[in-house]
């Protein structure tokens, strides 16, 4: 029997037997704790074993759990996790989905772009199999700058792939500005939120918590800076294809995160 059993979640409505009979012996089955059940597998299937497929509908969700043997290791894969992909429903702000300090504290200012054309980035993570579709970027221009632009995007964890790009968003008029992009899904993983502007005077709704002290905390123990300035710059409100080298922010380069609403 495996000494490192794999755990997975089963719906609470599914009744788990207390034991199984095997050659006249009653073998107890571990019972769920907080709707989790731990099943033990010996790794390789024999003539008396088979792949398990468990289906239990909960509301409109019908999860499926499959057990697959790979080189003596049992891999348990849960069913699909509901995503956020309905137009007009759901949202998150900038890198704030799992960065509460950035999403909760709001301010107004131009510190989201302290230096024109510089690309400022914040690392964030989407865990737990969540899938979020993005098709809109929206900002609230408080004090505009005629003829100037902002741009926002999401890059891969190494900064070498631009996954989402708002394109140039006009800062000329004091209003809510929305950029519609081709809908695509952001899945579990680590990413960089990126922001840039052709000006350092336009005022937007911003977070007010990404101070140097926050950067010091978030950049400690990091394989790559989590709050940083990218080496590659923007041009005319267009983000670069890659971020290039990242330099951790300092008191001279610290910035606030623009409050950008991302929607399906």
Protein backbone atom coordinates (compact mmCIF):
# COMPACT_ATOMS: atom_id res chain seq x y z
CA UNK A 1 0.00 0.00 0.00
CA UNK A 2 1.17 3.51 -0.68
CA UNK A 3 2.64 5.35 2.29
CA UNK A 4 1.68 8.68 0.74
CA UNK A 5 -2.01 8.44 -0.12
CA UNK A 6 -3.61 11.01 -2.35
CA UNK A 7 -6.51 13.09 -1.03
CA UNK A 8 -9.29 14.59 -3.05
CA UNK A 9 -12.63 16.22 -2.40
CA UNK A 10 -15.95 14.47 -2.84
CA UNK A 11 -19.38 16.09 -2.65
CA UNK A 12 -20.89 15.96 0.82
CA UNK A 13 -24.01 14.34 -0.60
CA UNK A 14 -22.04 11.21 -1.59
CA UNK A 15 -22.34 8.47 1.05
CA UNK A 16 -19.08 6.66 1.79
CA UNK A 17 -19.30 3.03 3.04
CA UNK A 18 -17.57 2.30 6.33
CA UNK A 19 -15.85 -0.88 5.13
CA UNK A 20 -15.42 -3.33 2.30
CA UNK A 21 -15.38 -7.13 2.46
CA UNK A 22 -12.29 -8.77 1.04
CA UNK A 23 -11.78 -12.54 1.31
CA UNK A 24 -13.92 -12.63 4.41
CA UNK A 25 -12.13 -9.72 6.06
CA UNK A 26 -13.69 -6.34 6.74
CA UNK A 27 -11.36 -3.60 5.66
CA UNK A 28 -12.28 -0.15 7.05
CA UNK A 29 -12.54 2.79 4.68
CA UNK A 30 -11.29 6.12 6.05
CA UNK A 31 -14.22 8.48 6.38
CA UNK A 32 -14.39 12.06 5.10
CA UNK A 33 -13.19 14.88 7.29
CA UNK A 34 -14.77 18.19 6.30
CA UNK A 35 -16.04 16.53 3.12
CA UNK A 36 -12.58 15.22 2.18
CA UNK A 37 -11.96 11.51 1.74
CA UNK A 38 -8.59 9.85 1.56
CA UNK A 39 -8.36 6.78 -0.66
CA UNK A 40 -5.30 4.55 -0.69
CA UNK A 41 -4.03 2.97 -3.88
CA UNK A 42 -1.21 0.49 -4.40
CA UNK A 43 -0.06 2.25 -7.56
CA UNK A 44 -0.39 -0.56 -10.10
CA UNK A 45 -3.71 -2.04 -11.17
CA UNK A 46 -4.11 -5.80 -10.92
CA UNK A 47 -6.82 -8.11 -12.29
CA UNK A 48 -9.19 -7.13 -9.48
CA UNK A 49 -8.79 -3.34 -9.85
CA UNK A 50 -10.00 -0.77 -12.34
CA UNK A 51 -9.84 2.96 -13.05
CA UNK A 52 -12.42 4.79 -10.97
CA UNK A 53 -14.74 7.44 -12.33
CA UNK A 54 -16.85 9.25 -9.75
CA UNK A 55 -19.65 11.56 -10.79
CA UNK A 56 -21.92 13.45 -8.44
CA UNK A 57 -23.92 16.43 -9.60
CA UNK A 58 -24.03 19.38 -7.23
CA UNK A 59 -26.39 22.06 -8.48
CA UNK A 60 -25.38 22.73 -12.07
CA UNK A 61 -21.85 21.36 -11.57
CA UNK A 62 -21.08 17.73 -12.37
CA UNK A 63 -17.49 17.07 -11.23
CA UNK A 64 -15.66 13.99 -12.41
CA UNK A 65 -12.71 12.37 -10.67
CA UNK A 66 -10.39 10.08 -12.59
CA UNK A 67 -7.59 7.97 -11.15
CA UNK A 68 -4.63 7.38 -13.44
CA UNK A 69 -1.52 5.31 -12.82
CA UNK A 70 1.76 6.84 -14.02
CA UNK A 71 5.05 5.09 -13.24
CA UNK A 72 3.86 3.62 -9.98
CA UNK A 73 2.32 6.87 -8.81
CA UNK A 74 -1.38 7.46 -8.49
CA UNK A 75 -2.60 10.79 -9.82
CA UNK A 76 -6.10 11.87 -8.85
CA UNK A 77 -7.59 14.57 -11.02
CA UNK A 78 -10.73 16.40 -9.99
CA UNK A 79 -13.47 17.53 -12.30
CA UNK A 80 -13.58 20.91 -13.94
CA UNK A 81 -13.78 23.89 -11.61
CA UNK A 82 -16.42 26.46 -12.51
CA UNK A 83 -14.90 29.46 -14.22
CA UNK A 84 -15.84 33.11 -14.37
CA UNK A 85 -16.78 33.58 -17.99
CA UNK A 86 -20.21 35.22 -18.12
CA UNK A 87 -20.28 38.68 -19.63
CA UNK A 88 -21.44 41.27 -17.12
CA UNK A 89 -20.78 39.02 -14.12
CA UNK A 90 -17.63 38.80 -12.03
CA UNK A 91 -14.48 40.92 -12.04
CA UNK A 92 -11.21 41.55 -10.29
CA UNK A 93 -8.95 44.58 -10.01
CA UNK A 94 -5.46 44.60 -11.51
CA UNK A 95 -3.35 42.06 -9.63
CA UNK A 96 -5.84 42.14 -6.77
CA UNK A 97 -7.55 38.77 -7.19
CA UNK A 98 -5.23 37.23 -4.61
CA UNK A 99 -3.39 40.35 -3.51
CA UNK A 100 -5.86 41.81 -0.96
CA UNK A 101 -3.72 44.77 0.07
CA UNK A 102 -3.76 45.94 -3.52
CA UNK A 103 -7.44 45.44 -4.14
CA UNK A 104 -8.87 46.89 -0.93
CA UNK A 105 -6.99 50.13 -0.39
CA UNK A 106 -7.85 52.77 -3.00
CA UNK A 107 -6.65 56.25 -3.71
CA UNK A 108 -6.45 58.84 -6.48
CA UNK A 109 -3.21 59.92 -8.06
CA UNK A 110 -0.68 59.84 -10.87
CA UNK A 111 1.77 57.58 -9.04
CA UNK A 112 0.63 54.60 -11.12
CA UNK A 113 2.97 55.98 -13.79
CA UNK A 114 5.76 57.89 -12.03
CA UNK A 115 7.92 57.84 -15.19
CA UNK A 116 6.46 58.01 -18.69
CA UNK A 117 6.85 54.83 -20.78
CA UNK A 118 8.30 52.82 -17.91
CA UNK A 119 6.61 49.46 -17.39
CA UNK A 120 5.82 48.75 -13.73
CA UNK A 121 4.92 45.19 -12.74
CA UNK A 122 3.40 43.30 -9.81
CA UNK A 123 3.50 39.53 -9.48
CA UNK A 124 0.27 37.74 -8.57
CA UNK A 125 -1.05 34.18 -8.39
CA UNK A 126 -4.27 32.43 -9.32
CA UNK A 127 -4.47 29.14 -7.39
CA UNK A 128 -7.04 26.38 -6.87
CA UNK A 129 -7.93 25.68 -10.49
CA UNK A 130 -9.81 28.94 -10.92
CA UNK A 131 -10.37 30.04 -14.51
CA UNK A 132 -11.16 33.68 -15.22
CA UNK A 133 -12.08 34.92 -18.68
CA UNK A 134 -10.93 38.43 -19.54
CA UNK A 135 -12.39 40.52 -22.34
CA UNK A 136 -12.48 44.05 -20.88
CA UNK A 137 -10.08 46.45 -19.15
CA UNK A 138 -11.64 49.53 -17.53
CA UNK A 139 -10.10 52.54 -15.79
CA UNK A 140 -11.54 55.69 -14.24
CA UNK A 141 -9.75 58.81 -15.48
CA UNK A 142 -10.03 61.45 -12.77
CA UNK A 143 -7.82 64.17 -14.26
CA UNK A 144 -6.86 63.46 -17.84
CA UNK A 145 -3.99 64.51 -20.04
CA UNK A 146 -5.05 65.25 -23.62
CA UNK A 147 -3.39 63.10 -26.24
CA UNK A 148 -1.86 60.72 -23.70
CA UNK A 149 -2.42 56.99 -23.17
CA UNK A 150 -2.22 54.23 -20.58
CA UNK A 151 -1.83 50.51 -21.20
CA UNK A 152 -2.22 47.45 -19.00
CA UNK A 153 -1.49 43.78 -19.46
CA UNK A 154 -0.64 40.41 -17.99
CA UNK A 155 2.57 38.51 -18.69
CA UNK A 156 3.76 34.99 -17.96
CA UNK A 157 5.73 34.35 -14.77
CA UNK A 158 9.05 34.67 -16.63
CA UNK A 159 7.95 37.87 -18.37
CA UNK A 160 8.65 36.41 -21.80
CA UNK A 161 5.06 36.06 -23.00
CA UNK A 162 2.43 38.80 -23.11
CA UNK A 163 -0.89 37.06 -22.43
CA UNK A 164 -3.28 40.02 -22.24
CA UNK A 165 -2.88 43.54 -23.55
CA UNK A 166 -5.41 46.36 -23.19
CA UNK A 167 -3.78 48.34 -25.98
CA UNK A 168 -3.53 52.14 -25.68
CA UNK A 169 -6.34 53.57 -23.53
CA UNK A 170 -7.03 57.27 -23.94
CA UNK A 171 -6.43 59.57 -20.98
CA UNK A 172 -7.87 62.64 -22.73
CA UNK A 173 -11.32 62.75 -21.09
CA UNK A 174 -12.32 62.48 -17.44
CA UNK A 175 -14.51 59.40 -17.64
CA UNK A 176 -14.52 55.62 -17.33
CA UNK A 177 -12.58 54.20 -20.27
CA UNK A 178 -13.04 50.57 -21.37
CA UNK A 179 -10.87 48.61 -23.75
CA UNK A 180 -12.39 45.43 -25.21
CA UNK A 181 -9.96 42.63 -26.10
CA UNK A 182 -10.33 39.16 -27.57
CA UNK A 183 -11.76 37.02 -24.77
CA UNK A 184 -9.30 34.52 -23.33
CA UNK A 185 -9.01 32.65 -20.04
CA UNK A 186 -6.51 33.12 -17.27
CA UNK A 187 -5.95 29.82 -15.46
CA UNK A 188 -4.10 28.76 -12.31
CA UNK A 189 -0.55 30.02 -12.21
CA UNK A 190 1.76 32.91 -11.41
CA UNK A 191 1.74 36.02 -13.57
CA UNK A 192 2.93 39.62 -13.78
CA UNK A 193 0.49 42.50 -13.91
CA UNK A 194 1.96 45.33 -16.01
CA UNK A 195 1.05 48.99 -16.35
CA UNK A 196 2.48 51.91 -18.28
CA UNK A 197 1.60 55.42 -19.38
CA UNK A 198 2.84 57.97 -21.88
CA UNK A 199 2.50 60.61 -19.15
CA UNK A 200 3.26 60.94 -15.46
CA UNK A 201 0.54 63.50 -14.70
CA UNK A 202 -2.78 61.82 -15.54
CA UNK A 203 -4.74 60.89 -12.43
CA UNK A 204 -6.57 57.57 -12.05
CA UNK A 205 -8.16 55.57 -9.28
CA UNK A 206 -5.24 53.68 -7.79
CA UNK A 207 -4.34 51.41 -4.94
CA UNK A 208 -2.53 53.28 -2.24
CA UNK A 209 -0.72 50.40 -0.58
CA UNK A 210 2.23 49.47 -2.79
CA UNK A 211 4.71 51.52 -0.79
CA UNK A 212 8.43 50.81 -0.55
CA UNK A 213 7.77 48.96 2.70
CA UNK A 214 5.29 46.66 0.96
CA UNK A 215 7.81 46.09 -1.82
CA UNK A 216 10.51 45.20 0.68
CA UNK A 217 8.22 42.61 2.22
CA UNK A 218 6.99 41.14 -1.06
CA UNK A 219 10.42 41.05 -2.69
CA UNK A 220 12.08 39.31 0.24
CA UNK A 221 12.88 35.65 -0.51
CA UNK A 222 11.67 36.06 -4.10
CA UNK A 223 13.30 34.20 -6.97
CA UNK A 224 12.49 37.26 -9.08
CA UNK A 225 11.20 40.64 -7.87
CA UNK A 226 7.48 40.63 -7.20
CA UNK A 227 7.15 44.42 -7.44
CA UNK A 228 9.52 45.77 -10.04
CA UNK A 229 10.31 47.99 -12.99
CA UNK A 230 10.87 46.22 -16.31
CA UNK A 231 13.88 46.91 -18.48
CA UNK A 232 11.79 47.01 -21.65
CA UNK A 233 9.73 50.17 -22.09
CA UNK A 234 6.45 50.96 -23.81
CA UNK A 235 6.02 53.05 -26.93
CA UNK A 236 3.02 55.27 -27.68
CA UNK A 237 0.95 53.39 -25.13
CA UNK A 238 1.90 49.95 -26.42
CA UNK A 239 3.34 47.42 -23.99
CA UNK A 240 6.51 45.57 -25.06
CA UNK A 241 6.32 41.95 -26.20
CA UNK A 242 8.46 40.89 -23.22
CA UNK A 243 9.34 42.54 -19.93
CA UNK A 244 13.10 42.01 -20.01
CA UNK A 245 15.10 42.14 -16.79
CA UNK A 246 13.18 43.16 -13.67
CA UNK A 247 14.61 45.53 -11.08
CA UNK A 248 13.04 45.59 -7.63
CA UNK A 249 11.50 48.97 -6.86
CA UNK A 250 13.35 51.45 -4.68
CA UNK A 251 12.14 54.63 -3.00
CA UNK A 252 12.96 56.44 -6.23
CA UNK A 253 10.96 54.06 -8.45
CA UNK A 254 8.06 52.98 -6.21
CA UNK A 255 4.59 53.19 -7.70
CA UNK A 256 0.95 52.55 -6.92
CA UNK A 257 -1.07 50.06 -8.85
CA UNK A 258 -3.72 51.51 -11.13
CA UNK A 259 -7.18 50.29 -10.23
CA UNK A 260 -8.11 48.50 -13.43
CA UNK A 261 -11.28 46.45 -13.59
CA UNK A 262 -10.93 43.21 -15.55
CA UNK A 263 -14.15 41.51 -16.65
CA UNK A 264 -15.28 38.49 -18.66
